[in-house]
């Protein structure tokens, strides 16, 4: 697998989303981590960094288009 430029993961703080985060972190990916819970997102960020990746924590409710759009804009700026 080639190293991705940027990966954005919704539901990044737990479950399948967190597993996806770990997988891409092992490849050294740069990631935008989206979920509602800040504590879970911060824990995921620490995991990403420990595995060699970089992460931007973005607390977002994906049911809100405005929040998702703002998060996408932040990811594009980094």
PDB file of N, CA and C in Angstrom:
ATOM      1  N   UNK A   1       0.832  -1.183   0.000  1.00  0.00           N
ATOM      2  CA  UNK A   1       0.000   0.000   0.000  1.00  0.00           C
ATOM      3  C   UNK A   1       0.875   1.244   0.000  1.00  0.00           C
ATOM      4  N   UNK A   2       0.564   2.195  -0.856  1.00  0.00           N
ATOM      5  CA  UNK A   2       1.324   3.434  -0.861  1.00  0.00           C
ATOM      6  C   UNK A   2       0.835   4.345   0.240  1.00  0.00           C
ATOM      7  N   UNK A   3       1.695   5.189   0.700  1.00  0.00           N
ATOM      8  CA  UNK A   3       1.360   6.103   1.786  1.00  0.00           C
ATOM      9  C   UNK A   3       0.389   7.174   1.309  1.00  0.00           C
ATOM     10  N   UNK A   4      -0.747   7.312   1.967  1.00  0.00           N
ATOM     11  CA  UNK A   4      -1.721   8.327   1.556  1.00  0.00           C
ATOM     12  C   UNK A   4      -1.265   9.720   1.944  1.00  0.00           C
ATOM     13  N   UNK A   5      -1.675  10.702   1.163  1.00  0.00           N
ATOM     14  CA  UNK A   5      -1.378  12.086   1.500  1.00  0.00           C
ATOM     15  C   UNK A   5      -2.158  12.510   2.733  1.00  0.00           C
ATOM     16  N   UNK A   6      -3.486  12.424   2.647  1.00  0.00           N
ATOM     17  CA  UNK A   6      -4.356  12.823   3.751  1.00  0.00           C
ATOM     18  C   UNK A   6      -5.541  11.860   3.821  1.00  0.00           C
ATOM     19  N   UNK A   7      -5.901  11.476   5.029  1.00  0.00           N
ATOM     20  CA  UNK A   7      -7.057  10.610   5.264  1.00  0.00           C
ATOM     21  C   UNK A   7      -7.948  11.319   6.278  1.00  0.00           C
ATOM     22  N   UNK A   8      -9.245  11.351   6.003  1.00  0.00           N
ATOM     23  CA  UNK A   8     -10.210  11.900   6.955  1.00  0.00           C
ATOM     24  C   UNK A   8     -11.104  10.751   7.403  1.00  0.00           C
ATOM     25  N   UNK A   9     -11.217  10.574   8.717  1.00  0.00           N
ATOM     26  CA  UNK A   9     -11.985   9.461   9.270  1.00  0.00           C
ATOM     27  C   UNK A   9     -13.090  10.013  10.162  1.00  0.00           C
ATOM     28  N   UNK A  10     -14.337   9.689   9.814  1.00  0.00           N
ATOM     29  CA  UNK A  10     -15.447  10.022  10.700  1.00  0.00           C
ATOM     30  C   UNK A  10     -15.639   8.881  11.689  1.00  0.00           C
ATOM     31  N   UNK A  11     -16.118   9.208  12.865  1.00  0.00           N
ATOM     32  CA  UNK A  11     -16.252   8.188  13.904  1.00  0.00           C
ATOM     33  C   UNK A  11     -14.899   7.709  14.382  1.00  0.00           C
ATOM     34  N   UNK A  12     -13.919   8.602  14.362  1.00  0.00           N
ATOM     35  CA  UNK A  12     -12.524   8.235  14.614  1.00  0.00           C
ATOM     36  C   UNK A  12     -12.208   7.902  16.064  1.00  0.00           C
ATOM     37  N   UNK A  13     -13.131   8.180  16.971  1.00  0.00           N
ATOM     38  CA  UNK A  13     -12.813   7.999  18.388  1.00  0.00           C
ATOM     39  C   UNK A  13     -13.076   6.591  18.915  1.00  0.00           C
ATOM     40  N   UNK A  14     -13.803   5.756  18.170  1.00  0.00           N
ATOM     41  CA  UNK A  14     -14.147   4.424  18.696  1.00  0.00           C
ATOM     42  C   UNK A  14     -14.506   3.462  17.574  1.00  0.00           C
ATOM     43  N   UNK A  15     -14.594   2.192  17.925  1.00  0.00           N
ATOM     44  CA  UNK A  15     -15.095   1.163  17.018  1.00  0.00           C
ATOM     45  C   UNK A  15     -14.323   1.033  15.719  1.00  0.00           C
ATOM     46  N   UNK A  16     -15.075   0.857  14.642  1.00  0.00           N
ATOM     47  CA  UNK A  16     -14.473   0.666  13.321  1.00  0.00           C
ATOM     48  C   UNK A  16     -13.663   1.895  12.909  1.00  0.00           C
ATOM     49  N   UNK A  17     -14.186   3.077  13.202  1.00  0.00           N
ATOM     50  CA  UNK A  17     -13.450   4.299  12.864  1.00  0.00           C
ATOM     51  C   UNK A  17     -12.085   4.336  13.523  1.00  0.00           C
ATOM     52  N   UNK A  18     -12.012   3.948  14.780  1.00  0.00           N
ATOM     53  CA  UNK A  18     -10.738   3.935  15.505  1.00  0.00           C
ATOM     54  C   UNK A  18      -9.801   2.899  14.907  1.00  0.00           C
ATOM     55  N   UNK A  19     -10.329   1.756  14.478  1.00  0.00           N
ATOM     56  CA  UNK A  19      -9.506   0.732  13.839  1.00  0.00           C
ATOM     57  C   UNK A  19      -8.939   1.244  12.521  1.00  0.00           C
ATOM     58  N   UNK A  20      -9.738   1.977  11.768  1.00  0.00           N
ATOM     59  CA  UNK A  20      -9.269   2.575  10.511  1.00  0.00           C
ATOM     60  C   UNK A  20      -8.149   3.577  10.805  1.00  0.00           C
ATOM     61  N   UNK A  21      -8.323   4.369  11.854  1.00  0.00           N
ATOM     62  CA  UNK A  21      -7.299   5.334  12.263  1.00  0.00           C
ATOM     63  C   UNK A  21      -5.980   4.621  12.540  1.00  0.00           C
ATOM     64  N   UNK A  22      -6.039   3.545  13.301  1.00  0.00           N
ATOM     65  CA  UNK A  22      -4.807   2.801  13.629  1.00  0.00           C
ATOM     66  C   UNK A  22      -4.136   2.249  12.373  1.00  0.00           C
ATOM     67  N   UNK A  23      -4.937   1.741  11.464  1.00  0.00           N
ATOM     68  CA  UNK A  23      -4.387   1.154  10.233  1.00  0.00           C
ATOM     69  C   UNK A  23      -3.619   2.194   9.424  1.00  0.00           C
ATOM     70  N   UNK A  24      -4.239   3.351   9.206  1.00  0.00           N
ATOM     71  CA  UNK A  24      -3.562   4.390   8.436  1.00  0.00           C
ATOM     72  C   UNK A  24      -2.404   5.012   9.206  1.00  0.00           C
ATOM     73  N   UNK A  25      -2.498   5.074  10.520  1.00  0.00           N
ATOM     74  CA  UNK A  25      -1.400   5.614  11.329  1.00  0.00           C
ATOM     75  C   UNK A  25      -0.135   4.778  11.150  1.00  0.00           C
ATOM     76  N   UNK A  26      -0.299   3.462  11.063  1.00  0.00           N
ATOM     77  CA  UNK A  26       0.872   2.589  10.862  1.00  0.00           C
ATOM     78  C   UNK A  26       1.558   2.865   9.529  1.00  0.00           C
ATOM     79  N   UNK A  27       0.840   3.458   8.585  1.00  0.00           N
ATOM     80  CA  UNK A  27       1.423   3.822   7.289  1.00  0.00           C
ATOM     81  C   UNK A  27       2.003   5.237   7.308  1.00  0.00           C
ATOM     82  N   UNK A  28       1.919   5.907   8.463  1.00  0.00           N
ATOM     83  CA  UNK A  28       2.449   7.258   8.585  1.00  0.00           C
ATOM     84  C   UNK A  28       1.553   8.328   7.994  1.00  0.00           C
ATOM     85  N   UNK A  29       0.266   8.056   7.901  1.00  0.00           N
ATOM     86  CA  UNK A  29      -0.672   8.990   7.272  1.00  0.00           C
ATOM     87  C   UNK A  29      -0.853  10.266   8.084  1.00  0.00           C
ATOM     88  N   UNK A  30      -1.216  11.309   7.380  1.00  0.00           N
ATOM     89  CA  UNK A  30      -1.695  12.541   8.000  1.00  0.00           C
ATOM     90  C   UNK A  30      -3.213  12.432   7.998  1.00  0.00           C
ATOM     91  N   UNK A  31      -3.846  12.695   9.147  1.00  0.00           N
ATOM     92  CA  UNK A  31      -5.277  12.430   9.258  1.00  0.00           C
ATOM     93  C   UNK A  31      -6.046  13.560   9.892  1.00  0.00           C
ATOM     94  N   UNK A  32      -7.274  13.695   9.418  1.00  0.00           N
ATOM     95  CA  UNK A  32      -8.277  14.497  10.091  1.00  0.00           C
ATOM     96  C   UNK A  32      -9.169  13.516  10.831  1.00  0.00           C
ATOM     97  N   UNK A  33      -9.282  13.688  12.145  1.00  0.00           N
ATOM     98  CA  UNK A  33     -10.066  12.789  12.975  1.00  0.00           C
ATOM     99  C   UNK A  33     -11.356  13.489  13.371  1.00  0.00           C
ATOM    100  N   UNK A  34     -12.496  12.952  12.930  1.00  0.00           N
ATOM    101  CA  UNK A  34     -13.799  13.549  13.201  1.00  0.00           C
ATOM    102  C   UNK A  34     -14.640  12.645  14.081  1.00  0.00           C
ATOM    103  N   UNK A  35     -15.244  13.225  15.099  1.00  0.00           N
ATOM    104  CA  UNK A  35     -16.208  12.560  15.968  1.00  0.00           C
ATOM    105  C   UNK A  35     -16.748  13.629  16.922  1.00  0.00           C
ATOM    106  N   UNK A  36     -17.749  13.272  17.683  1.00  0.00           N
ATOM    107  CA  UNK A  36     -18.320  14.242  18.614  1.00  0.00           C
ATOM    108  C   UNK A  36     -17.520  14.379  19.896  1.00  0.00           C
ATOM    109  N   UNK A  37     -16.952  13.307  20.399  1.00  0.00           N
ATOM    110  CA  UNK A  37     -16.297  13.321  21.709  1.00  0.00           C
ATOM    111  C   UNK A  37     -14.837  13.727  21.657  1.00  0.00           C
ATOM    112  N   UNK A  38     -14.520  14.819  22.321  1.00  0.00           N
ATOM    113  CA  UNK A  38     -13.146  15.335  22.313  1.00  0.00           C
ATOM    114  C   UNK A  38     -12.183  14.380  23.003  1.00  0.00           C
ATOM    115  N   UNK A  39     -12.593  13.784  24.126  1.00  0.00           N
ATOM    116  CA  UNK A  39     -11.683  12.889  24.855  1.00  0.00           C
ATOM    117  C   UNK A  39     -11.252  11.710  23.990  1.00  0.00           C
ATOM    118  N   UNK A  40     -12.208  11.082  23.310  1.00  0.00           N
ATOM    119  CA  UNK A  40     -11.878   9.967  22.423  1.00  0.00           C
ATOM    120  C   UNK A  40     -11.011  10.387  21.260  1.00  0.00           C
ATOM    121  N   UNK A  41     -11.274  11.579  20.722  1.00  0.00           N
ATOM    122  CA  UNK A  41     -10.463  12.080  19.617  1.00  0.00           C
ATOM    123  C   UNK A  41      -9.027  12.346  20.055  1.00  0.00           C
ATOM    124  N   UNK A  42      -8.866  12.917  21.244  1.00  0.00           N
ATOM    125  CA  UNK A  42      -7.507  13.186  21.743  1.00  0.00           C
ATOM    126  C   UNK A  42      -6.752  11.883  21.971  1.00  0.00           C
ATOM    127  N   UNK A  43      -7.444  10.868  22.475  1.00  0.00           N
ATOM    128  CA  UNK A  43      -6.804   9.556  22.658  1.00  0.00           C
ATOM    129  C   UNK A  43      -6.404   8.965  21.307  1.00  0.00           C
ATOM    130  N   UNK A  44      -7.265   9.115  20.309  1.00  0.00           N
ATOM    131  CA  UNK A  44      -6.945   8.624  18.965  1.00  0.00           C
ATOM    132  C   UNK A  44      -5.745   9.383  18.396  1.00  0.00           C
ATOM    133  N   UNK A  45      -5.698  10.704  18.625  1.00  0.00           N
ATOM    134  CA  UNK A  45      -4.553  11.494  18.152  1.00  0.00           C
ATOM    135  C   UNK A  45      -3.252  10.989  18.768  1.00  0.00           C
ATOM    136  N   UNK A  46      -3.276  10.713  20.063  1.00  0.00           N
ATOM    137  CA  UNK A  46      -2.069  10.202  20.716  1.00  0.00           C
ATOM    138  C   UNK A  46      -1.643   8.866  20.112  1.00  0.00           C
ATOM    139  N   UNK A  47      -2.606   8.004  19.813  1.00  0.00           N
ATOM    140  CA  UNK A  47      -2.288   6.723  19.169  1.00  0.00           C
ATOM    141  C   UNK A  47      -1.662   6.936  17.801  1.00  0.00           C
ATOM    142  N   UNK A  48      -2.259   7.833  17.030  1.00  0.00           N
ATOM    143  CA  UNK A  48      -1.732   8.128  15.686  1.00  0.00           C
ATOM    144  C   UNK A  48      -0.282   8.570  15.780  1.00  0.00           C
ATOM    145  N   UNK A  49      -0.006   9.497  16.668  1.00  0.00           N
ATOM    146  CA  UNK A  49       1.355  10.010  16.796  1.00  0.00           C
ATOM    147  C   UNK A  49       2.321   8.940  17.289  1.00  0.00           C
ATOM    148  N   UNK A  50       1.877   8.077  18.191  1.00  0.00           N
ATOM    149  CA  UNK A  50       2.722   6.989  18.683  1.00  0.00           C
ATOM    150  C   UNK A  50       3.046   5.988  17.577  1.00  0.00           C
ATOM    151  N   UNK A  51       2.138   5.863  16.613  1.00  0.00           N
ATOM    152  CA  UNK A  51       2.340   4.932  15.497  1.00  0.00           C
ATOM    153  C   UNK A  51       3.043   5.578  14.295  1.00  0.00           C
ATOM    154  N   UNK A  52       3.386   6.850  14.405  1.00  0.00           N
ATOM    155  CA  UNK A  52       4.144   7.503  13.339  1.00  0.00           C
ATOM    156  C   UNK A  52       3.363   8.408  12.412  1.00  0.00           C
ATOM    157  N   UNK A  53       2.076   8.593  12.673  1.00  0.00           N
ATOM    158  CA  UNK A  53       1.271   9.477  11.835  1.00  0.00           C
ATOM    159  C   UNK A  53       1.132  10.851  12.452  1.00  0.00           C
ATOM    160  N   UNK A  54       0.353  11.687  11.791  1.00  0.00           N
ATOM    161  CA  UNK A  54       0.020  13.016  12.308  1.00  0.00           C
ATOM    162  C   UNK A  54      -1.492  13.170  12.237  1.00  0.00           C
ATOM    163  N   UNK A  55      -2.070  13.852  13.230  1.00  0.00           N
ATOM    164  CA  UNK A  55      -3.528  13.952  13.263  1.00  0.00           C
ATOM    165  C   UNK A  55      -3.996  15.334  13.682  1.00  0.00           C
ATOM    166  N   UNK A  56      -5.093  15.733  13.073  1.00  0.00           N
ATOM    167  CA  UNK A  56      -5.797  16.961  13.413  1.00  0.00           C
ATOM    168  C   UNK A  56      -7.128  16.545  14.031  1.00  0.00           C
ATOM    169  N   UNK A  57      -7.374  16.949  15.260  1.00  0.00           N
ATOM    170  CA  UNK A  57      -8.605  16.605  15.974  1.00  0.00           C
ATOM    171  C   UNK A  57      -9.689  17.611  15.612  1.00  0.00           C
ATOM    172  N   UNK A  58     -10.826  17.095  15.144  1.00  0.00           N
ATOM    173  CA  UNK A  58     -11.930  17.947  14.724  1.00  0.00           C
ATOM    174  C   UNK A  58     -13.239  17.448  15.340  1.00  0.00           C
ATOM    175  N   UNK A  59     -13.633  18.010  16.484  1.00  0.00           N
ATOM    176  CA  UNK A  59     -14.913  17.624  17.077  1.00  0.00           C
ATOM    177  C   UNK A  59     -16.059  18.079  16.170  1.00  0.00           C
ATOM    178  N   UNK A  60     -16.822  17.117  15.661  1.00  0.00           N
ATOM    179  CA  UNK A  60     -17.853  17.399  14.664  1.00  0.00           C
ATOM    180  C   UNK A  60     -19.032  16.447  14.873  1.00  0.00           C
ATOM    181  N   UNK A  61     -20.227  16.976  14.688  1.00  0.00           N
ATOM    182  CA  UNK A  61     -21.419  16.131  14.594  1.00  0.00           C
ATOM    183  C   UNK A  61     -21.702  15.983  13.105  1.00  0.00           C
ATOM    184  N   UNK A  62     -21.488  14.792  12.551  1.00  0.00           N
ATOM    185  CA  UNK A  62     -21.620  14.611  11.104  1.00  0.00           C
ATOM    186  C   UNK A  62     -23.055  14.776  10.613  1.00  0.00           C
ATOM    187  N   UNK A  63     -24.010  14.899  11.521  1.00  0.00           N
ATOM    188  CA  UNK A  63     -25.390  15.194  11.121  1.00  0.00           C
ATOM    189  C   UNK A  63     -25.553  16.671  10.754  1.00  0.00           C
ATOM    190  N   UNK A  64     -24.540  17.475  11.049  1.00  0.00           N
ATOM    191  CA  UNK A  64     -24.589  18.904  10.750  1.00  0.00           C
ATOM    192  C   UNK A  64     -23.701  19.215   9.548  1.00  0.00           C
ATOM    193  N   UNK A  65     -24.331  19.546   8.418  1.00  0.00           N
ATOM    194  CA  UNK A  65     -23.578  19.877   7.213  1.00  0.00           C
ATOM    195  C   UNK A  65     -22.620  21.034   7.469  1.00  0.00           C
ATOM    196  N   UNK A  66     -23.050  22.022   8.229  1.00  0.00           N
ATOM    197  CA  UNK A  66     -22.211  23.181   8.512  1.00  0.00           C
ATOM    198  C   UNK A  66     -20.926  22.764   9.223  1.00  0.00           C
ATOM    199  N   UNK A  67     -21.036  21.892  10.210  1.00  0.00           N
ATOM    200  CA  UNK A  67     -19.853  21.429  10.939  1.00  0.00           C
ATOM    201  C   UNK A  67     -18.936  20.595  10.048  1.00  0.00           C
ATOM    202  N   UNK A  68     -19.516  19.738   9.230  1.00  0.00           N
ATOM    203  CA  UNK A  68     -18.711  18.903   8.323  1.00  0.00           C
ATOM    204  C   UNK A  68     -17.990  19.784   7.307  1.00  0.00           C
ATOM    205  N   UNK A  69     -18.677  20.750   6.758  1.00  0.00           N
ATOM    206  CA  UNK A  69     -18.072  21.658   5.780  1.00  0.00           C
ATOM    207  C   UNK A  69     -16.922  22.446   6.406  1.00  0.00           C
ATOM    208  N   UNK A  70     -17.118  22.928   7.628  1.00  0.00           N
ATOM    209  CA  UNK A  70     -16.061  23.662   8.326  1.00  0.00           C
ATOM    210  C   UNK A  70     -14.860  22.745   8.612  1.00  0.00           C
ATOM    211  N   UNK A  71     -15.127  21.504   8.984  1.00  0.00           N
ATOM    212  CA  UNK A  71     -14.042  20.552   9.238  1.00  0.00           C
ATOM    213  C   UNK A  71     -13.248  20.274   7.955  1.00  0.00           C
ATOM    214  N   UNK A  72     -13.957  20.122   6.851  1.00  0.00           N
ATOM    215  CA  UNK A  72     -13.287  19.891   5.563  1.00  0.00           C
ATOM    216  C   UNK A  72     -12.381  21.065   5.210  1.00  0.00           C
ATOM    217  N   UNK A  73     -12.862  22.263   5.455  1.00  0.00           N
ATOM    218  CA  UNK A  73     -12.051  23.454   5.186  1.00  0.00           C
ATOM    219  C   UNK A  73     -10.798  23.468   6.048  1.00  0.00           C
ATOM    220  N   UNK A  74     -10.914  23.065   7.318  1.00  0.00           N
ATOM    221  CA  UNK A  74      -9.731  23.011   8.200  1.00  0.00           C
ATOM    222  C   UNK A  74      -8.720  21.986   7.712  1.00  0.00           C
ATOM    223  N   UNK A  75      -9.206  20.817   7.281  1.00  0.00           N
ATOM    224  CA  UNK A  75      -8.299  19.773   6.773  1.00  0.00           C
ATOM    225  C   UNK A  75      -7.575  20.279   5.528  1.00  0.00           C
ATOM    226  N   UNK A  76      -8.263  20.968   4.662  1.00  0.00           N
ATOM    227  CA  UNK A  76      -7.649  21.480   3.436  1.00  0.00           C
ATOM    228  C   UNK A  76      -6.570  22.517   3.735  1.00  0.00           C
ATOM    229  N   UNK A  77      -6.680  23.233   4.832  1.00  0.00           N
ATOM    230  CA  UNK A  77      -5.704  24.270   5.185  1.00  0.00           C
ATOM    231  C   UNK A  77      -4.392  23.708   5.729  1.00  0.00           C
ATOM    232  N   UNK A  78      -4.437  22.485   6.223  1.00  0.00           N
ATOM    233  CA  UNK A  78      -3.241  21.909   6.873  1.00  0.00           C
ATOM    234  C   UNK A  78      -2.357  21.251   5.845  1.00  0.00           C
TER     235      UNK A  78
END
